[in-house]
Amino acid sequence: MYRFEGLNIEVTGGDSLIFAVRFEGRAVPVGSTAVFTVKKRLRERETVIEKRYAVADNRVVVALGPGDTALAPGTYWWDMRVLSANGAEVRTPMAYAAFEVLEAVGNG
């Protein structure tokens, strides 16, 4: 199960999750990379999920597997940063949002 409410995400722990983010406004430079990050607490350095994806046509597709979302139930926090190919530019095109991991009832 998954649900999106604005930027907030709910996902059942251990489920796959695939979604796309479209960046509006300025064009994202060719060769840029989006870094999707999830942390248990906002000011913690340790991440529980950190994935890098290529940006194409101002869009990135985030794909999380069961191992990525197999976290203890609770509220985590996520955001995304965009790094230019040459490293000269870093953008955070959004505010952070909740990443809620729900407990699965069955073990199917």
PDB file of N, CA and C in Angstrom:
ATOM      1  N   MET A   1       0.852  -1.170   0.000  1.00  0.00           N
ATOM      2  CA  MET A   1       0.000   0.000   0.000  1.00  0.00           C
ATOM      3  C   MET A   1       0.891   1.224   0.000  1.00  0.00           C
ATOM      4  N   TYR A   2       0.503   2.195  -0.760  1.00  0.00           N
ATOM      5  CA  TYR A   2       1.176   3.470  -0.705  1.00  0.00           C
ATOM      6  C   TYR A   2       0.153   4.574  -0.929  1.00  0.00           C
ATOM      7  N   ARG A   3       0.470   5.768  -0.442  1.00  0.00           N
ATOM      8  CA  ARG A   3      -0.412   6.909  -0.616  1.00  0.00           C
ATOM      9  C   ARG A   3       0.435   8.172  -0.590  1.00  0.00           C
ATOM     10  N   PHE A   4       0.072   9.109  -1.447  1.00  0.00           N
ATOM     11  CA  PHE A   4       0.732  10.401  -1.492  1.00  0.00           C
ATOM     12  C   PHE A   4      -0.275  11.470  -1.103  1.00  0.00           C
ATOM     13  N   GLU A   5       0.111  12.360  -0.209  1.00  0.00           N
ATOM     14  CA  GLU A   5      -0.724  13.490   0.162  1.00  0.00           C
ATOM     15  C   GLU A   5       0.176  14.713   0.121  1.00  0.00           C
ATOM     16  N   GLY A   6       0.089  15.466  -0.971  1.00  0.00           N
ATOM     17  CA  GLY A   6       1.065  16.530  -1.195  1.00  0.00           C
ATOM     18  C   GLY A   6       2.424  15.872  -1.388  1.00  0.00           C
ATOM     19  N   LEU A   7       3.409  16.298  -0.632  1.00  0.00           N
ATOM     20  CA  LEU A   7       4.726  15.678  -0.695  1.00  0.00           C
ATOM     21  C   LEU A   7       4.888  14.535   0.298  1.00  0.00           C
ATOM     22  N   ASN A   8       3.932  14.386   1.213  1.00  0.00           N
ATOM     23  CA  ASN A   8       4.004  13.310   2.206  1.00  0.00           C
ATOM     24  C   ASN A   8       3.730  11.964   1.548  1.00  0.00           C
ATOM     25  N   ILE A   9       4.493  10.969   1.978  1.00  0.00           N
ATOM     26  CA  ILE A   9       4.387   9.621   1.419  1.00  0.00           C
ATOM     27  C   ILE A   9       4.085   8.635   2.542  1.00  0.00           C
ATOM     28  N   GLU A  10       3.151   7.714   2.294  1.00  0.00           N
ATOM     29  CA  GLU A  10       2.917   6.573   3.178  1.00  0.00           C
ATOM     30  C   GLU A  10       3.188   5.314   2.385  1.00  0.00           C
ATOM     31  N   VAL A  11       3.904   4.369   2.974  1.00  0.00           N
ATOM     32  CA  VAL A  11       4.201   3.104   2.313  1.00  0.00           C
ATOM     33  C   VAL A  11       4.212   2.000   3.371  1.00  0.00           C
ATOM     34  N   THR A  12       3.711   0.838   3.010  1.00  0.00           N
ATOM     35  CA  THR A  12       3.795  -0.309   3.904  1.00  0.00           C
ATOM     36  C   THR A  12       5.229  -0.812   3.882  1.00  0.00           C
ATOM     37  N   GLY A  13       5.791  -1.046   5.053  1.00  0.00           N
ATOM     38  CA  GLY A  13       7.165  -1.530   5.164  1.00  0.00           C
ATOM     39  C   GLY A  13       7.346  -2.822   4.378  1.00  0.00           C
ATOM     40  N   GLY A  14       8.410  -2.885   3.584  1.00  0.00           N
ATOM     41  CA  GLY A  14       8.695  -4.065   2.790  1.00  0.00           C
ATOM     42  C   GLY A  14       8.050  -4.073   1.414  1.00  0.00           C
ATOM     43  N   ASP A  15       7.303  -3.014   1.076  1.00  0.00           N
ATOM     44  CA  ASP A  15       6.682  -2.921  -0.252  1.00  0.00           C
ATOM     45  C   ASP A  15       7.594  -2.175  -1.220  1.00  0.00           C
ATOM     46  N   SER A  16       7.439  -2.457  -2.498  1.00  0.00           N
ATOM     47  CA  SER A  16       8.103  -1.681  -3.540  1.00  0.00           C
ATOM     48  C   SER A  16       7.339  -0.376  -3.728  1.00  0.00           C
ATOM     49  N   LEU A  17       8.044   0.653  -4.169  1.00  0.00           N
ATOM     50  CA  LEU A  17       7.426   1.956  -4.392  1.00  0.00           C
ATOM     51  C   LEU A  17       8.138   2.628  -5.561  1.00  0.00           C
ATOM     52  N   ILE A  18       7.377   3.003  -6.571  1.00  0.00           N
ATOM     53  CA  ILE A  18       7.932   3.701  -7.725  1.00  0.00           C
ATOM     54  C   ILE A  18       7.071   4.933  -7.980  1.00  0.00           C
ATOM     55  N   PHE A  19       7.729   6.096  -8.095  1.00  0.00           N
ATOM     56  CA  PHE A  19       7.007   7.329  -8.404  1.00  0.00           C
ATOM     57  C   PHE A  19       7.934   8.286  -9.139  1.00  0.00           C
ATOM     58  N   ALA A  20       7.333   9.238  -9.825  1.00  0.00           N
ATOM     59  CA  ALA A  20       8.100  10.219 -10.594  1.00  0.00           C
ATOM     60  C   ALA A  20       7.940  11.600  -9.965  1.00  0.00           C
ATOM     61  N   VAL A  21       9.001  12.391 -10.062  1.00  0.00           N
ATOM     62  CA  VAL A  21       8.983  13.782  -9.619  1.00  0.00           C
ATOM     63  C   VAL A  21       9.354  14.635 -10.829  1.00  0.00           C
ATOM     64  N   ARG A  22       8.524  15.609 -11.120  1.00  0.00           N
ATOM     65  CA  ARG A  22       8.802  16.526 -12.226  1.00  0.00           C
ATOM     66  C   ARG A  22       9.216  17.868 -11.635  1.00  0.00           C
ATOM     67  N   PHE A  23      10.358  18.367 -12.075  1.00  0.00           N
ATOM     68  CA  PHE A  23      10.868  19.651 -11.619  1.00  0.00           C
ATOM     69  C   PHE A  23      10.334  20.742 -12.537  1.00  0.00           C
ATOM     70  N   GLU A  24       9.738  21.768 -11.956  1.00  0.00           N
ATOM     71  CA  GLU A  24       9.194  22.863 -12.744  1.00  0.00           C
ATOM     72  C   GLU A  24      10.037  24.108 -12.530  1.00  0.00           C
ATOM     73  N   GLY A  25       9.925  25.044 -13.463  1.00  0.00           N
ATOM     74  CA  GLY A  25      10.727  26.263 -13.373  1.00  0.00           C
ATOM     75  C   GLY A  25      11.950  26.124 -14.245  1.00  0.00           C
ATOM     76  N   ARG A  26      13.102  26.426 -13.681  1.00  0.00           N
ATOM     77  CA  ARG A  26      14.354  26.346 -14.444  1.00  0.00           C
ATOM     78  C   ARG A  26      14.625  24.932 -14.920  1.00  0.00           C
ATOM     79  N   ALA A  27      15.200  24.834 -16.097  1.00  0.00           N
ATOM     80  CA  ALA A  27      15.569  23.522 -16.645  1.00  0.00           C
ATOM     81  C   ALA A  27      16.716  22.931 -15.826  1.00  0.00           C
ATOM     82  N   VAL A  28      16.618  21.660 -15.536  1.00  0.00           N
ATOM     83  CA  VAL A  28      17.692  20.949 -14.844  1.00  0.00           C
ATOM     84  C   VAL A  28      18.775  20.638 -15.874  1.00  0.00           C
ATOM     85  N   PRO A  29      20.036  20.990 -15.595  1.00  0.00           N
ATOM     86  CA  PRO A  29      21.104  20.756 -16.575  1.00  0.00           C
ATOM     87  C   PRO A  29      21.231  19.276 -16.966  1.00  0.00           C
ATOM     88  N   VAL A  30      21.538  19.038 -18.227  1.00  0.00           N
ATOM     89  CA  VAL A  30      21.753  17.685 -18.736  1.00  0.00           C
ATOM     90  C   VAL A  30      22.859  17.019 -17.919  1.00  0.00           C
ATOM     91  N   GLY A  31      22.682  15.756 -17.589  1.00  0.00           N
ATOM     92  CA  GLY A  31      23.676  15.006 -16.828  1.00  0.00           C
ATOM     93  C   GLY A  31      23.545  15.144 -15.325  1.00  0.00           C
ATOM     94  N   SER A  32      22.502  15.842 -14.857  1.00  0.00           N
ATOM     95  CA  SER A  32      22.314  16.028 -13.412  1.00  0.00           C
ATOM     96  C   SER A  32      21.842  14.738 -12.747  1.00  0.00           C
ATOM     97  N   THR A  33      22.089  14.653 -11.462  1.00  0.00           N
ATOM     98  CA  THR A  33      21.700  13.510 -10.650  1.00  0.00           C
ATOM     99  C   THR A  33      20.811  13.989  -9.509  1.00  0.00           C
ATOM    100  N   ALA A  34      19.720  13.275  -9.254  1.00  0.00           N
ATOM    101  CA  ALA A  34      18.851  13.560  -8.110  1.00  0.00           C
ATOM    102  C   ALA A  34      19.220  12.594  -6.990  1.00  0.00           C
ATOM    103  N   VAL A  35      19.336  13.122  -5.787  1.00  0.00           N
ATOM    104  CA  VAL A  35      19.650  12.306  -4.616  1.00  0.00           C
ATOM    105  C   VAL A  35      18.410  12.285  -3.719  1.00  0.00           C
ATOM    106  N   PHE A  36      17.777  11.117  -3.622  1.00  0.00           N
ATOM    107  CA  PHE A  36      16.599  10.894  -2.783  1.00  0.00           C
ATOM    108  C   PHE A  36      17.104  10.396  -1.437  1.00  0.00           C
ATOM    109  N   THR A  37      16.750  11.108  -0.361  1.00  0.00           N
ATOM    110  CA  THR A  37      17.264  10.773   0.969  1.00  0.00           C
ATOM    111  C   THR A  37      16.126  10.649   1.972  1.00  0.00           C
ATOM    112  N   VAL A  38      16.199   9.624   2.822  1.00  0.00           N
ATOM    113  CA  VAL A  38      15.251   9.443   3.919  1.00  0.00           C
ATOM    114  C   VAL A  38      16.065   9.308   5.201  1.00  0.00           C
ATOM    115  N   LYS A  39      15.638  10.052   6.241  1.00  0.00           N
ATOM    116  CA  LYS A  39      16.281   9.995   7.563  1.00  0.00           C
ATOM    117  C   LYS A  39      15.213   9.763   8.633  1.00  0.00           C
ATOM    118  N   LYS A  40      15.632   9.173   9.736  1.00  0.00           N
ATOM    119  CA  LYS A  40      14.711   8.970  10.860  1.00  0.00           C
ATOM    120  C   LYS A  40      14.412  10.312  11.546  1.00  0.00           C
ATOM    121  N   ARG A  41      15.431  11.119  11.715  1.00  0.00           N
ATOM    122  CA  ARG A  41      15.278  12.441  12.329  1.00  0.00           C
ATOM    123  C   ARG A  41      15.927  13.476  11.422  1.00  0.00           C
ATOM    124  N   LEU A  42      15.332  14.641  11.365  1.00  0.00           N
ATOM    125  CA  LEU A  42      15.795  15.666  10.431  1.00  0.00           C
ATOM    126  C   LEU A  42      17.256  16.048  10.599  1.00  0.00           C
ATOM    127  N   ARG A  43      17.709  16.236  11.809  1.00  0.00           N
ATOM    128  CA  ARG A  43      19.056  16.752  12.020  1.00  0.00           C
ATOM    129  C   ARG A  43      20.118  15.671  12.186  1.00  0.00           C
ATOM    130  N   GLU A  44      19.729  14.436  11.953  1.00  0.00           N
ATOM    131  CA  GLU A  44      20.661  13.313  12.020  1.00  0.00           C
ATOM    132  C   GLU A  44      21.507  13.263  10.755  1.00  0.00           C
ATOM    133  N   ARG A  45      22.736  12.831  10.862  1.00  0.00           N
ATOM    134  CA  ARG A  45      23.583  12.673   9.682  1.00  0.00           C
ATOM    135  C   ARG A  45      23.306  11.339   8.980  1.00  0.00           C
ATOM    136  N   GLU A  46      22.947  10.330   9.759  1.00  0.00           N
ATOM    137  CA  GLU A  46      22.737   8.988   9.209  1.00  0.00           C
ATOM    138  C   GLU A  46      21.452   8.923   8.379  1.00  0.00           C
ATOM    139  N   THR A  47      21.577   8.356   7.193  1.00  0.00           N
ATOM    140  CA  THR A  47      20.410   8.163   6.341  1.00  0.00           C
ATOM    141  C   THR A  47      19.973   6.700   6.416  1.00  0.00           C
ATOM    142  N   VAL A  48      18.672   6.478   6.244  1.00  0.00           N
ATOM    143  CA  VAL A  48      18.175   5.097   6.189  1.00  0.00           C
ATOM    144  C   VAL A  48      17.946   4.668   4.736  1.00  0.00           C
ATOM    145  N   ILE A  49      17.744   5.637   3.855  1.00  0.00           N
ATOM    146  CA  ILE A  49      17.677   5.390   2.413  1.00  0.00           C
ATOM    147  C   ILE A  49      18.397   6.548   1.727  1.00  0.00           C
ATOM    148  N   GLU A  50      19.283   6.232   0.816  1.00  0.00           N
ATOM    149  CA  GLU A  50      19.895   7.254  -0.028  1.00  0.00           C
ATOM    150  C   GLU A  50      20.115   6.632  -1.396  1.00  0.00           C
ATOM    151  N   LYS A  51      19.432   7.169  -2.382  1.00  0.00           N
ATOM    152  CA  LYS A  51      19.489   6.629  -3.742  1.00  0.00           C
ATOM    153  C   LYS A  51      19.777   7.772  -4.710  1.00  0.00           C
ATOM    154  N   ARG A  52      20.549   7.462  -5.739  1.00  0.00           N
ATOM    155  CA  ARG A  52      20.864   8.434  -6.788  1.00  0.00           C
ATOM    156  C   ARG A  52      20.222   7.990  -8.091  1.00  0.00           C
ATOM    157  N   TYR A  53      19.620   8.969  -8.780  1.00  0.00           N
ATOM    158  CA  TYR A  53      18.920   8.701 -10.032  1.00  0.00           C
ATOM    159  C   TYR A  53      19.272   9.771 -11.054  1.00  0.00           C
ATOM    160  N   ALA A  54      19.353   9.374 -12.302  1.00  0.00           N
ATOM    161  CA  ALA A  54      19.582  10.325 -13.389  1.00  0.00           C
ATOM    162  C   ALA A  54      18.320  11.162 -13.602  1.00  0.00           C
ATOM    163  N   VAL A  55      18.521  12.445 -13.885  1.00  0.00           N
ATOM    164  CA  VAL A  55      17.421  13.338 -14.218  1.00  0.00           C
ATOM    165  C   VAL A  55      17.363  13.454 -15.740  1.00  0.00           C
ATOM    166  N   ALA A  56      16.179  13.270 -16.309  1.00  0.00           N
ATOM    167  CA  ALA A  56      15.999  13.398 -17.759  1.00  0.00           C
ATOM    168  C   ALA A  56      14.740  14.219 -18.015  1.00  0.00           C
ATOM    169  N   ASP A  57      14.850  15.217 -18.854  1.00  0.00           N
ATOM    170  CA  ASP A  57      13.704  16.067 -19.205  1.00  0.00           C
ATOM    171  C   ASP A  57      13.016  16.645 -17.975  1.00  0.00           C
ATOM    172  N   ASN A  58      13.816  17.135 -17.033  1.00  0.00           N
ATOM    173  CA  ASN A  58      13.306  17.741 -15.794  1.00  0.00           C
ATOM    174  C   ASN A  58      12.459  16.774 -14.965  1.00  0.00           C
ATOM    175  N   ARG A  59      12.765  15.489 -15.050  1.00  0.00           N
ATOM    176  CA  ARG A  59      11.976  14.465 -14.359  1.00  0.00           C
ATOM    177  C   ARG A  59      12.897  13.382 -13.835  1.00  0.00           C
ATOM    178  N   VAL A  60      12.549  12.847 -12.679  1.00  0.00           N
ATOM    179  CA  VAL A  60      13.296  11.727 -12.114  1.00  0.00           C
ATOM    180  C   VAL A  60      12.295  10.668 -11.663  1.00  0.00           C
ATOM    181  N   VAL A  61      12.640   9.410 -11.865  1.00  0.00           N
ATOM    182  CA  VAL A  61      11.805   8.300 -11.405  1.00  0.00           C
ATOM    183  C   VAL A  61      12.516   7.658 -10.219  1.00  0.00           C
ATOM    184  N   VAL A  62      11.838   7.658  -9.079  1.00  0.00           N
ATOM    185  CA  VAL A  62      12.359   7.055  -7.855  1.00  0.00           C
ATOM    186  C   VAL A  62      11.815   5.639  -7.773  1.00  0.00           C
ATOM    187  N   ALA A  63      12.699   4.669  -7.614  1.00  0.00           N
ATOM    188  CA  ALA A  63      12.302   3.262  -7.518  1.00  0.00           C
ATOM    189  C   ALA A  63      12.907   2.671  -6.256  1.00  0.00           C
ATOM    190  N   LEU A  64      12.052   2.292  -5.322  1.00  0.00           N
ATOM    191  CA  LEU A  64      12.483   1.680  -4.067  1.00  0.00           C
ATOM    192  C   LEU A  64      12.017   0.231  -4.049  1.00  0.00           C
ATOM    193  N   GLY A  65      12.889  -0.654  -3.640  1.00  0.00           N
ATOM    194  CA  GLY A  65      12.557  -2.059  -3.536  1.00  0.00           C
ATOM    195  C   GLY A  65      12.148  -2.430  -2.126  1.00  0.00           C
ATOM    196  N   PRO A  66      11.714  -3.668  -1.933  1.00  0.00           N
ATOM    197  CA  PRO A  66      11.294  -4.123  -0.613  1.00  0.00           C
ATOM    198  C   PRO A  66      12.367  -3.941   0.463  1.00  0.00           C
ATOM    199  N   GLY A  67      13.622  -4.137   0.108  1.00  0.00           N
ATOM    200  CA  GLY A  67      14.695  -3.952   1.091  1.00  0.00           C
ATOM    201  C   GLY A  67      14.858  -2.513   1.523  1.00  0.00           C
ATOM    202  N   ASP A  68      14.532  -1.576   0.633  1.00  0.00           N
ATOM    203  CA  ASP A  68      14.645  -0.155   0.976  1.00  0.00           C
ATOM    204  C   ASP A  68      13.587   0.264   1.991  1.00  0.00           C
ATOM    205  N   THR A  69      12.364  -0.245   1.836  1.00  0.00           N
ATOM    206  CA  THR A  69      11.262   0.186   2.700  1.00  0.00           C
ATOM    207  C   THR A  69      11.060  -0.726   3.911  1.00  0.00           C
ATOM    208  N   ALA A  70      11.901  -1.735   4.075  1.00  0.00           N
ATOM    209  CA  ALA A  70      11.788  -2.650   5.225  1.00  0.00           C
ATOM    210  C   ALA A  70      12.354  -1.960   6.464  1.00  0.00           C
ATOM    211  N   LEU A  71      11.673  -0.920   6.885  1.00  0.00           N
ATOM    212  CA  LEU A  71      12.083  -0.118   8.038  1.00  0.00           C
ATOM    213  C   LEU A  71      11.080  -0.316   9.162  1.00  0.00           C
ATOM    214  N   ALA A  72      11.491  -0.010  10.371  1.00  0.00           N
ATOM    215  CA  ALA A  72      10.561  -0.064  11.497  1.00  0.00           C
ATOM    216  C   ALA A  72       9.427   0.918  11.245  1.00  0.00           C
ATOM    217  N   PRO A  73       8.187   0.536  11.565  1.00  0.00           N
ATOM    218  CA  PRO A  73       7.075   1.461  11.366  1.00  0.00           C
ATOM    219  C   PRO A  73       7.322   2.779  12.096  1.00  0.00           C
ATOM    220  N   GLY A  74       6.931   3.867  11.465  1.00  0.00           N
ATOM    221  CA  GLY A  74       7.096   5.181  12.081  1.00  0.00           C
ATOM    222  C   GLY A  74       7.244   6.255  11.029  1.00  0.00           C
ATOM    223  N   THR A  75       7.449   7.472  11.514  1.00  0.00           N
ATOM    224  CA  THR A  75       7.597   8.615  10.640  1.00  0.00           C
ATOM    225  C   THR A  75       9.067   8.915  10.420  1.00  0.00           C
ATOM    226  N   TYR A  76       9.442   8.988   9.173  1.00  0.00           N
ATOM    227  CA  TYR A  76      10.776   9.371   8.728  1.00  0.00           C
ATOM    228  C   TYR A  76      10.601  10.654   7.923  1.00  0.00           C
ATOM    229  N   TRP A  77      11.689  11.204   7.413  1.00  0.00           N
ATOM    230  CA  TRP A  77      11.647  12.448   6.646  1.00  0.00           C
ATOM    231  C   TRP A  77      12.433  12.285   5.359  1.00  0.00           C
ATOM    232  N   TRP A  78      11.930  12.838   4.254  1.00  0.00           N
ATOM    233  CA  TRP A  78      12.597  12.698   2.965  1.00  0.00           C
ATOM    234  C   TRP A  78      12.714  14.045   2.261  1.00  0.00           C
ATOM    235  N   ASP A  79      13.704  14.125   1.399  1.00  0.00           N
ATOM    236  CA  ASP A  79      13.802  15.226   0.459  1.00  0.00           C
ATOM    237  C   ASP A  79      14.606  14.767  -0.743  1.00  0.00           C
ATOM    238  N   MET A  80      14.805  15.686  -1.665  1.00  0.00           N
ATOM    239  CA  MET A  80      15.562  15.370  -2.869  1.00  0.00           C
ATOM    240  C   MET A  80      16.420  16.582  -3.203  1.00  0.00           C
ATOM    241  N   ARG A  81      17.679  16.315  -3.572  1.00  0.00           N
ATOM    242  CA  ARG A  81      18.587  17.370  -4.017  1.00  0.00           C
ATOM    243  C   ARG A  81      19.034  17.028  -5.426  1.00  0.00           C
ATOM    244  N   VAL A  82      19.318  18.047  -6.200  1.00  0.00           N
ATOM    245  CA  VAL A  82      19.756  17.853  -7.573  1.00  0.00           C
ATOM    246  C   VAL A  82      21.178  18.377  -7.705  1.00  0.00           C
ATOM    247  N   LEU A  83      22.068  17.506  -8.172  1.00  0.00           N
ATOM    248  CA  LEU A  83      23.472  17.844  -8.345  1.00  0.00           C
ATOM    249  C   LEU A  83      23.769  17.934  -9.833  1.00  0.00           C
ATOM    250  N   SER A  84      24.389  19.047 -10.257  1.00  0.00           N
ATOM    251  CA  SER A  84      24.745  19.163 -11.676  1.00  0.00           C
ATOM    252  C   SER A  84      25.885  18.210 -11.984  1.00  0.00           C
ATOM    253  N   ALA A  85      26.037  17.873 -13.251  1.00  0.00           N
ATOM    254  CA  ALA A  85      27.041  16.894 -13.682  1.00  0.00           C
ATOM    255  C   ALA A  85      28.447  17.303 -13.288  1.00  0.00           C
ATOM    256  N   ASN A  86      28.745  18.601 -13.341  1.00  0.00           N
ATOM    257  CA  ASN A  86      30.102  19.057 -13.009  1.00  0.00           C
ATOM    258  C   ASN A  86      30.265  19.394 -11.528  1.00  0.00           C
ATOM    259  N   GLY A  87      29.204  19.251 -10.752  1.00  0.00           N
ATOM    260  CA  GLY A  87      29.275  19.503  -9.317  1.00  0.00           C
ATOM    261  C   GLY A  87      29.256  20.970  -8.940  1.00  0.00           C
ATOM    262  N   ALA A  88      29.091  21.848  -9.910  1.00  0.00           N
ATOM    263  CA  ALA A  88      29.121  23.283  -9.642  1.00  0.00           C
ATOM    264  C   ALA A  88      27.820  23.792  -9.037  1.00  0.00           C
ATOM    265  N   GLU A  89      26.750  23.033  -9.193  1.00  0.00           N
ATOM    266  CA  GLU A  89      25.457  23.503  -8.722  1.00  0.00           C
ATOM    267  C   GLU A  89      24.741  22.407  -7.953  1.00  0.00           C
ATOM    268  N   VAL A  90      24.163  22.799  -6.820  1.00  0.00           N
ATOM    269  CA  VAL A  90      23.328  21.910  -6.010  1.00  0.00           C
ATOM    270  C   VAL A  90      22.030  22.653  -5.749  1.00  0.00           C
ATOM    271  N   ARG A  91      20.919  21.981  -5.981  1.00  0.00           N
ATOM    272  CA  ARG A  91      19.610  22.587  -5.721  1.00  0.00           C
ATOM    273  C   ARG A  91      18.764  21.638  -4.891  1.00  0.00           C
ATOM    274  N   THR A  92      18.012  22.218  -3.971  1.00  0.00           N
ATOM    275  CA  THR A  92      17.004  21.468  -3.226  1.00  0.00           C
ATOM    276  C   THR A  92      15.663  22.055  -3.653  1.00  0.00           C
ATOM    277  N   PRO A  93      14.990  21.429  -4.616  1.00  0.00           N
ATOM    278  CA  PRO A  93      13.802  22.027  -5.224  1.00  0.00           C
ATOM    279  C   PRO A  93      12.508  21.876  -4.422  1.00  0.00           C
ATOM    280  N   MET A  94      12.613  21.393  -3.205  1.00  0.00           N
ATOM    281  CA  MET A  94      11.410  21.140  -2.414  1.00  0.00           C
ATOM    282  C   MET A  94      11.743  21.210  -0.927  1.00  0.00           C
ATOM    283  N   ALA A  95      10.717  21.406  -0.121  1.00  0.00           N
ATOM    284  CA  ALA A  95      10.880  21.298   1.326  1.00  0.00           C
ATOM    285  C   ALA A  95      10.853  19.817   1.692  1.00  0.00           C
ATOM    286  N   TYR A  96      11.419  19.469   2.828  1.00  0.00           N
ATOM    287  CA  TYR A  96      11.340  18.080   3.280  1.00  0.00           C
ATOM    288  C   TYR A  96       9.895  17.733   3.609  1.00  0.00           C
ATOM    289  N   ALA A  97       9.598  16.431   3.621  1.00  0.00           N
ATOM    290  CA  ALA A  97       8.235  15.970   3.884  1.00  0.00           C
ATOM    291  C   ALA A  97       8.288  14.641   4.628  1.00  0.00           C
ATOM    292  N   ALA A  98       7.145  14.238   5.149  1.00  0.00           N
ATOM    293  CA  ALA A  98       7.054  12.997   5.915  1.00  0.00           C
ATOM    294  C   ALA A  98       7.107  11.780   4.993  1.00  0.00           C
ATOM    295  N   PHE A  99       7.777  10.744   5.468  1.00  0.00           N
ATOM    296  CA  PHE A  99       7.853   9.446   4.809  1.00  0.00           C
ATOM    297  C   PHE A  99       7.413   8.447   5.871  1.00  0.00           C
ATOM    298  N   GLU A 100       6.147   8.088   5.849  1.00  0.00           N
ATOM    299  CA  GLU A 100       5.542   7.256   6.890  1.00  0.00           C
ATOM    300  C   GLU A 100       5.616   5.790   6.479  1.00  0.00           C
ATOM    301  N   VAL A 101       6.231   4.965   7.314  1.00  0.00           N
ATOM    302  CA  VAL A 101       6.287   3.536   7.062  1.00  0.00           C
ATOM    303  C   VAL A 101       5.239   2.862   7.941  1.00  0.00           C
ATOM    304  N   LEU A 102       4.327   2.144   7.283  1.00  0.00           N
ATOM    305  CA  LEU A 102       3.240   1.464   7.967  1.00  0.00           C
ATOM    306  C   LEU A 102       3.585  -0.010   8.189  1.00  0.00           C
ATOM    307  N   GLU A 103       3.030  -0.581   9.215  1.00  0.00           N
ATOM    308  CA  GLU A 103       3.245  -1.995   9.494  1.00  0.00           C
ATOM    309  C   GLU A 103       2.346  -2.845   8.598  1.00  0.00           C
ATOM    310  N   ALA A 104       2.897  -3.902   8.063  1.00  0.00           N
ATOM    311  CA  ALA A 104       2.106  -4.850   7.266  1.00  0.00           C
ATOM    312  C   ALA A 104       1.373  -5.799   8.208  1.00  0.00           C
ATOM    313  N   VAL A 105       0.144  -6.118   7.890  1.00  0.00           N
ATOM    314  CA  VAL A 105      -0.624  -7.045   8.714  1.00  0.00           C
ATOM    315  C   VAL A 105      -0.236  -8.475   8.399  1.00  0.00           C
ATOM    316  N   GLY A 106      -0.109  -8.801   7.120  1.00  0.00           N
ATOM    317  CA  GLY A 106       0.234 -10.156   6.723  1.00  0.00           C
ATOM    318  C   GLY A 106       1.689 -10.265   6.309  1.00  0.00           C
ATOM    319  N   ASN A 107       2.153 -11.492   6.144  1.00  0.00           N
ATOM    320  CA  ASN A 107       3.535 -11.738   5.741  1.00  0.00           C
ATOM    321  C   ASN A 107       3.608 -12.327   4.336  1.00  0.00           C
ATOM    322  N   GLY A 108       2.573 -12.137   3.517  1.00  0.00           N
ATOM    323  CA  GLY A 108       2.436 -12.716   2.200  1.00  0.00           C
ATOM    324  C   GLY A 108       3.571 -12.461   1.338  1.00  0.00           C
TER     325      GLY A 108
END
